[in-house]
Protein backbone atom coordinates (compact mmCIF):
# COMPACT_ATOMS: atom_id res chain seq x y z
CA UNK A 1 -46.03 13.37 -111.74
CA UNK A 2 -49.00 15.19 -113.14
CA UNK A 3 -51.25 17.89 -111.89
CA UNK A 4 -54.90 17.62 -112.74
CA UNK A 5 -56.36 20.94 -113.86
CA UNK A 6 -58.33 22.76 -111.17
CA UNK A 7 -61.99 21.82 -111.29
CA UNK A 8 -64.27 23.85 -109.05
CA UNK A 9 -61.16 25.19 -107.33
CA UNK A 10 -59.65 21.77 -106.67
CA UNK A 11 -56.45 20.22 -107.98
CA UNK A 12 -54.70 16.88 -107.65
CA UNK A 13 -50.94 16.48 -107.77
CA UNK A 14 -50.35 12.89 -108.89
CA UNK A 15 -47.00 11.38 -107.93
CA UNK A 16 -46.74 8.01 -109.64
CA UNK A 17 -43.47 6.69 -108.21
CA UNK A 18 -41.29 7.23 -105.18
CA UNK A 19 -38.35 5.26 -103.79
CA UNK A 20 -39.10 2.37 -101.44
CA UNK A 21 -37.38 3.59 -98.28
CA UNK A 22 -39.04 6.40 -96.31
CA UNK A 23 -35.99 8.69 -96.22
CA UNK A 24 -35.34 8.33 -99.95
CA UNK A 25 -39.04 8.78 -100.74
CA UNK A 26 -39.26 11.93 -98.64
CA UNK A 27 -36.11 13.34 -100.18
CA UNK A 28 -37.39 12.58 -103.69
CA UNK A 29 -40.76 14.19 -103.04
CA UNK A 30 -39.28 17.38 -101.66
CA UNK A 31 -36.69 17.60 -104.45
CA UNK A 32 -38.92 16.68 -107.38
CA UNK A 33 -42.51 17.59 -106.47
CA UNK A 34 -42.69 20.18 -103.68
CA UNK A 35 -42.22 23.12 -106.03
CA UNK A 36 -45.13 21.82 -108.13
CA UNK A 37 -47.37 21.63 -105.05
CA UNK A 38 -46.49 25.19 -104.06
CA UNK A 39 -47.03 26.46 -107.60
CA UNK A 40 -50.52 24.94 -107.67
CA UNK A 41 -51.39 26.43 -104.28
CA UNK A 42 -50.14 29.85 -105.36
CA UNK A 43 -51.99 29.93 -108.71
CA UNK A 44 -54.90 31.96 -107.31
CA UNK A 45 -57.48 29.44 -108.58
CA UNK A 46 -56.94 26.41 -106.40
CA UNK A 47 -58.82 26.22 -103.11
CA UNK A 48 -58.21 22.51 -102.45
CA UNK A 49 -55.09 20.50 -103.28
CA UNK A 50 -54.83 16.77 -102.82
CA UNK A 51 -51.38 15.24 -103.21
CA UNK A 52 -51.86 11.66 -104.42
CA UNK A 53 -48.87 9.50 -103.52
CA UNK A 54 -48.46 5.81 -104.30
CA UNK A 55 -49.30 3.33 -101.53
CA UNK A 56 -46.52 2.72 -99.01
CA UNK A 57 -45.90 0.96 -95.72
CA UNK A 58 -46.55 2.45 -92.30
CA UNK A 59 -42.89 3.47 -92.11
CA UNK A 60 -43.76 6.28 -94.56
CA UNK A 61 -46.59 7.70 -92.44
CA UNK A 62 -44.52 10.25 -90.50
CA UNK A 63 -43.08 12.16 -93.44
CA UNK A 64 -46.40 12.07 -95.29
CA UNK A 65 -48.31 13.39 -92.26
CA UNK A 66 -45.74 16.14 -91.87
CA UNK A 67 -46.09 17.06 -95.54
CA UNK A 68 -49.89 17.35 -95.25
CA UNK A 69 -49.78 19.30 -92.00
CA UNK A 70 -47.06 21.73 -93.06
CA UNK A 71 -48.57 22.52 -96.47
CA UNK A 72 -52.00 23.07 -94.88
CA UNK A 73 -50.56 25.42 -92.27
CA UNK A 74 -48.45 27.34 -94.77
CA UNK A 75 -51.30 27.86 -97.23
CA UNK A 76 -54.31 28.24 -94.92
CA UNK A 77 -57.15 28.97 -95.54
CA UNK A 78 -56.63 26.77 -98.61
CA UNK A 79 -57.17 23.08 -97.96
CA UNK A 80 -54.38 20.54 -98.50
CA UNK A 81 -54.51 16.80 -97.93
CA UNK A 82 -52.26 13.90 -98.87
CA UNK A 83 -53.44 10.44 -99.81
CA UNK A 84 -51.43 7.26 -100.22
CA UNK A 85 -53.37 4.89 -102.42
CA UNK A 86 -53.55 3.06 -105.71
CA UNK A 87 -55.25 4.86 -108.57
CA UNK A 88 -58.52 2.98 -108.03
CA UNK A 89 -58.65 3.44 -104.26
CA UNK A 90 -57.41 6.99 -104.59
CA UNK A 91 -60.49 7.93 -106.61
CA UNK A 92 -62.72 7.08 -103.64
CA UNK A 93 -60.59 9.12 -101.24
CA UNK A 94 -60.43 12.07 -103.63
CA UNK A 95 -64.19 12.08 -103.96
CA UNK A 96 -64.60 12.04 -100.18
CA UNK A 97 -62.06 14.81 -99.56
CA UNK A 98 -63.61 17.10 -102.16
CA UNK A 99 -66.92 16.85 -100.30
CA UNK A 100 -65.45 17.26 -96.80
CA UNK A 101 -64.94 21.01 -96.43
CA UNK A 102 -63.61 20.80 -92.88
CA UNK A 103 -60.83 18.33 -93.67
CA UNK A 104 -57.36 19.76 -94.22
CA UNK A 105 -53.82 18.88 -93.22
CA UNK A 106 -54.53 15.14 -93.19
CA UNK A 107 -52.64 12.15 -94.52
CA UNK A 108 -55.09 9.45 -95.57
CA UNK A 109 -53.52 6.08 -96.38
CA UNK A 110 -55.72 3.50 -98.08
CA UNK A 111 -54.88 -0.11 -97.40
CA UNK A 112 -55.97 -2.19 -100.37
């Protein structure tokens, strides 16, 4: 896990590894990374947070959508999105989301 420093009010929380099964992955994210996401959103500098998770199967979509939606609702008017993608594909999604001011609370999987 790493958090990119806020640039122009944006931050990226990089989560490099999660367990394979959806329940274990969800549990691991909430136990190991949720506090980091909240800390970033509460720092007073960040306006946009993107949580970058590793790619996963469709069976992970529900918990990831819930994560994006709940963080966005809790921290509105700040923007929060979650992406599931490799590092290379994630760069394209990050670039798009930073330039899409109306997009928040979304989970964006990228199928390589």
